[in-house]
Amino acid sequence: MKNSAANVTLKRPTHWALFSLVTLMLIGSGTWADDDSRADSTNSDSTNSDSANSECGLTDQQQEMLTRVNEARNNARQCGDQSFPAASPLTWSCKLEAAAAMHANDMAKNDYVSHSDPDGAGVEQRVNQQEYAWQAVGENIAAGHTSVAAVVNGWLESPSHCSNMMNDTFTEMGMAKADNADSRYTTFWAQVLGHPR
């Protein structure tokens, strides 16, 4: 089973660019700040946040992952050398689900496991394609696991994935699983975490 290092990106508001230092969260394989605004900063959280499950409808598998992740966040946890207090529960985002599905399907179709697709696009580009105006995004991926429990447990045992899941900056998530029986790992998982503007 393969768990790739977690990936997190922060976006700072453009109006603070000259007045504050960039704070980067050093989690997993790397993080960067993105100065250009792809969405109007006047968007309210209510227009960006699509946590109403009725828009995209959670599958049983998605509900199970959301529940397991929130159960993990409900308790203080040690992720490698970093201690995390209990974190607020995440809500579901249809836009983050769509970004996760895009990546899980591409990994399954092209038989690879990476945060970057073959063209070099990362989680921030996939989230932007879904018109999710974000302050922070992160991604956990895995391949070869056959159940939600195995995926979440694998991520909790990996310091960088665990850090992503326990990061209280994130308020929403989406996930997807894709299958390809002819590929090396057969199953491909993507979890996208976000904090909307």
Protein backbone atom coordinates (compact mmCIF):
# COMPACT_ATOMS: atom_id res chain seq x y z
CA MET A 1 0.00 0.00 0.00
CA LYS A 2 1.29 3.43 -0.84
CA ASN A 3 0.68 6.69 0.98
CA SER A 4 2.22 9.68 -0.70
CA ALA A 5 3.54 12.56 1.39
CA ALA A 6 0.79 15.04 2.18
CA ASN A 7 0.59 18.32 0.31
CA VAL A 8 -0.66 21.67 1.71
CA THR A 9 -0.89 25.11 0.16
CA LEU A 10 -1.80 28.41 1.80
CA LYS A 11 -3.08 31.48 -0.01
CA ARG A 12 -2.74 34.80 1.71
CA PRO A 13 -5.05 37.70 0.84
CA THR A 14 -3.47 40.05 -1.69
CA HIS A 15 -4.21 43.17 0.38
CA TRP A 16 -1.88 41.89 3.12
CA ALA A 17 0.99 41.22 0.73
CA LEU A 18 2.88 44.44 1.52
CA PHE A 19 2.04 44.50 5.22
CA SER A 20 2.71 41.03 6.51
CA LEU A 21 5.17 38.23 6.28
CA VAL A 22 4.21 35.11 4.44
CA THR A 23 3.62 32.27 6.83
CA LEU A 24 4.14 28.90 5.28
CA MET A 25 2.93 25.72 6.86
CA LEU A 26 5.68 23.17 6.51
CA ILE A 27 3.73 19.97 6.21
CA GLY A 28 4.52 16.97 4.13
CA SER A 29 6.30 17.36 0.84
CA GLY A 30 6.10 21.13 0.71
CA THR A 31 3.92 24.18 0.80
CA TRP A 32 3.80 27.48 -0.96
CA ALA A 33 1.79 30.69 -0.92
CA ASP A 34 0.01 31.94 -4.00
CA ASP A 35 -0.34 35.70 -4.40
CA ASP A 36 -2.62 35.93 -7.41
CA SER A 37 -6.31 35.90 -6.68
CA ARG A 38 -8.23 33.59 -8.95
CA ALA A 39 -11.54 34.55 -7.40
CA ASP A 40 -13.00 37.88 -6.36
CA SER A 41 -11.98 38.49 -2.76
CA THR A 42 -15.42 39.92 -2.09
CA ASN A 43 -16.93 36.43 -2.36
CA SER A 44 -18.51 35.52 0.92
CA ASP A 45 -17.93 32.18 2.60
CA SER A 46 -21.57 31.31 2.04
CA THR A 47 -21.22 31.55 -1.75
CA ASN A 48 -18.01 29.53 -1.78
CA SER A 49 -18.78 26.97 0.87
CA ASP A 50 -21.01 24.26 -0.49
CA SER A 51 -21.20 22.05 2.56
CA ALA A 52 -24.88 21.39 2.05
CA ASN A 53 -24.68 17.70 1.27
CA SER A 54 -27.77 17.86 -0.91
CA GLU A 55 -25.81 19.51 -3.76
CA CYS A 56 -23.62 16.49 -4.47
CA GLY A 57 -24.92 13.82 -2.11
CA LEU A 58 -22.42 11.78 -0.13
CA THR A 59 -21.97 8.12 -0.90
CA ASP A 60 -21.77 5.72 2.04
CA GLN A 61 -18.01 5.55 1.46
CA GLN A 62 -17.63 9.34 1.54
CA GLN A 63 -19.76 9.60 4.68
CA GLU A 64 -17.63 6.92 6.32
CA MET A 65 -14.41 8.80 5.52
CA LEU A 66 -15.83 12.11 6.77
CA THR A 67 -16.94 10.38 9.98
CA ARG A 68 -13.58 8.64 10.52
CA VAL A 69 -11.60 11.81 9.85
CA ASN A 70 -13.78 13.79 12.25
CA GLU A 71 -13.45 11.06 14.89
CA ALA A 72 -9.67 11.34 14.53
CA ARG A 73 -9.82 15.16 14.77
CA ASN A 74 -11.96 14.88 17.91
CA ASN A 75 -8.92 13.79 19.97
CA ALA A 76 -5.52 15.32 20.56
CA ARG A 77 -2.96 13.42 18.51
CA GLN A 78 0.78 13.06 17.97
CA CYS A 79 1.74 13.18 14.28
CA GLY A 80 5.41 12.28 14.16
CA ASP A 81 7.23 14.96 16.17
CA GLN A 82 4.28 17.35 16.13
CA SER A 83 1.50 17.42 18.72
CA PHE A 84 -1.97 18.54 17.71
CA PRO A 85 -4.87 19.46 19.99
CA ALA A 86 -8.33 18.21 19.10
CA ALA A 87 -9.64 20.01 16.02
CA SER A 88 -13.09 21.13 14.93
CA PRO A 89 -15.01 18.72 12.72
CA LEU A 90 -14.81 19.14 8.96
CA THR A 91 -17.84 19.67 6.75
CA TRP A 92 -18.28 18.24 3.27
CA SER A 93 -17.50 20.33 0.19
CA CYS A 94 -18.85 19.30 -3.21
CA LYS A 95 -16.17 21.41 -4.93
CA LEU A 96 -13.38 19.71 -2.98
CA GLU A 97 -14.99 16.35 -3.78
CA ALA A 98 -14.88 17.24 -7.49
CA ALA A 99 -11.18 18.20 -7.22
CA ALA A 100 -10.45 14.91 -5.43
CA ALA A 101 -12.40 12.92 -8.04
CA MET A 102 -10.50 14.63 -10.85
CA HIS A 103 -7.18 13.55 -9.33
CA ALA A 104 -8.19 10.04 -8.20
CA ASN A 105 -9.59 9.30 -11.66
CA ASP A 106 -6.48 10.65 -13.40
CA MET A 107 -4.16 8.60 -11.17
CA ALA A 108 -6.22 5.45 -11.87
CA LYS A 109 -6.41 6.09 -15.61
CA ASN A 110 -2.69 6.88 -15.97
CA ASP A 111 -1.43 4.48 -13.26
CA TYR A 112 0.61 6.85 -11.07
CA VAL A 113 0.61 8.05 -7.46
CA SER A 114 1.70 11.67 -7.05
CA HIS A 115 0.37 15.02 -5.90
CA SER A 116 1.24 16.41 -9.34
CA ASP A 117 -0.45 15.09 -12.45
CA PRO A 118 1.64 14.18 -15.51
CA ASP A 119 1.35 17.81 -16.72
CA GLY A 120 2.63 19.16 -13.38
CA ALA A 121 -0.70 20.47 -12.05
CA GLY A 122 -1.13 20.22 -8.28
CA VAL A 123 -3.98 20.39 -5.81
CA GLU A 124 -4.23 24.18 -6.03
CA GLN A 125 -4.87 24.05 -9.79
CA ARG A 126 -7.47 21.30 -9.38
CA VAL A 127 -9.26 23.26 -6.66
CA ASN A 128 -9.14 26.45 -8.75
CA GLN A 129 -10.71 24.57 -11.68
CA GLN A 130 -13.66 23.86 -9.38
CA GLU A 131 -13.95 27.61 -8.62
CA TYR A 132 -13.27 27.05 -4.92
CA ALA A 133 -11.97 30.37 -3.53
CA TRP A 134 -9.52 29.24 -0.87
CA GLN A 135 -7.25 30.48 1.88
CA ALA A 136 -5.62 27.08 2.41
CA VAL A 137 -5.78 23.71 0.67
CA GLY A 138 -4.17 20.38 1.35
CA GLU A 139 -4.26 16.92 -0.14
CA ASN A 140 -3.75 13.35 1.03
CA ILE A 141 -3.49 10.55 -1.51
CA ALA A 142 -3.12 6.80 -1.23
CA ALA A 143 -3.21 3.76 -3.49
CA GLY A 144 -3.81 0.06 -3.03
CA HIS A 145 -5.98 0.25 0.09
CA THR A 146 -9.31 -1.53 -0.20
CA SER A 147 -11.29 0.23 2.55
CA VAL A 148 -11.83 3.66 4.05
CA ALA A 149 -10.60 2.36 7.41
CA ALA A 150 -7.30 1.20 5.89
CA VAL A 151 -6.78 4.53 4.12
CA VAL A 152 -7.53 6.68 7.17
CA ASN A 153 -5.44 4.45 9.45
CA GLY A 154 -2.55 4.62 6.97
CA TRP A 155 -2.77 8.40 6.87
CA LEU A 156 -2.88 8.61 10.68
CA GLU A 157 0.32 6.54 10.85
CA SER A 158 2.09 8.88 8.42
CA PRO A 159 3.25 12.13 10.11
CA SER A 160 2.60 14.37 7.09
CA HIS A 161 -0.84 12.91 6.29
CA CYS A 162 -1.79 12.94 9.96
CA SER A 163 -0.72 16.60 10.19
CA ASN A 164 -2.98 17.47 7.27
CA MET A 165 -5.96 15.73 8.87
CA MET A 166 -5.35 17.34 12.27
CA ASN A 167 -4.67 20.83 10.92
CA ASP A 168 -7.39 23.07 12.40
CA THR A 169 -6.88 25.55 9.55
CA PHE A 170 -8.93 23.20 7.39
CA THR A 171 -12.71 23.42 7.78
CA GLU A 172 -13.93 21.38 4.79
CA MET A 173 -13.03 18.25 2.88
CA GLY A 174 -13.97 16.17 -0.12
CA MET A 175 -12.73 12.75 -1.20
CA ALA A 176 -12.94 10.29 -4.02
CA LYS A 177 -11.81 6.77 -4.87
CA ALA A 178 -11.14 5.48 -8.36
CA ASP A 179 -10.47 1.92 -9.52
CA ASN A 180 -8.46 0.46 -12.37
CA ALA A 181 -8.08 -3.32 -12.25
CA ASP A 182 -5.30 -3.15 -14.84
CA SER A 183 -3.14 -0.75 -12.83
CA ARG A 184 -0.36 -1.46 -10.35
CA TYR A 185 -2.37 -0.50 -7.24
CA THR A 186 -5.98 -1.09 -8.43
CA THR A 187 -7.48 1.54 -6.06
CA PHE A 188 -6.58 5.24 -5.89
CA TRP A 189 -7.74 7.62 -3.16
CA ALA A 190 -7.65 11.41 -2.93
CA GLN A 191 -8.71 13.61 -0.03
CA VAL A 192 -8.73 17.39 -0.50
CA LEU A 193 -8.95 19.62 2.55
CA GLY A 194 -9.69 23.31 2.40
CA HIS A 195 -10.50 26.54 4.12
CA PRO A 196 -12.62 28.88 1.97
CA ARG A 197 -12.18 32.64 1.77
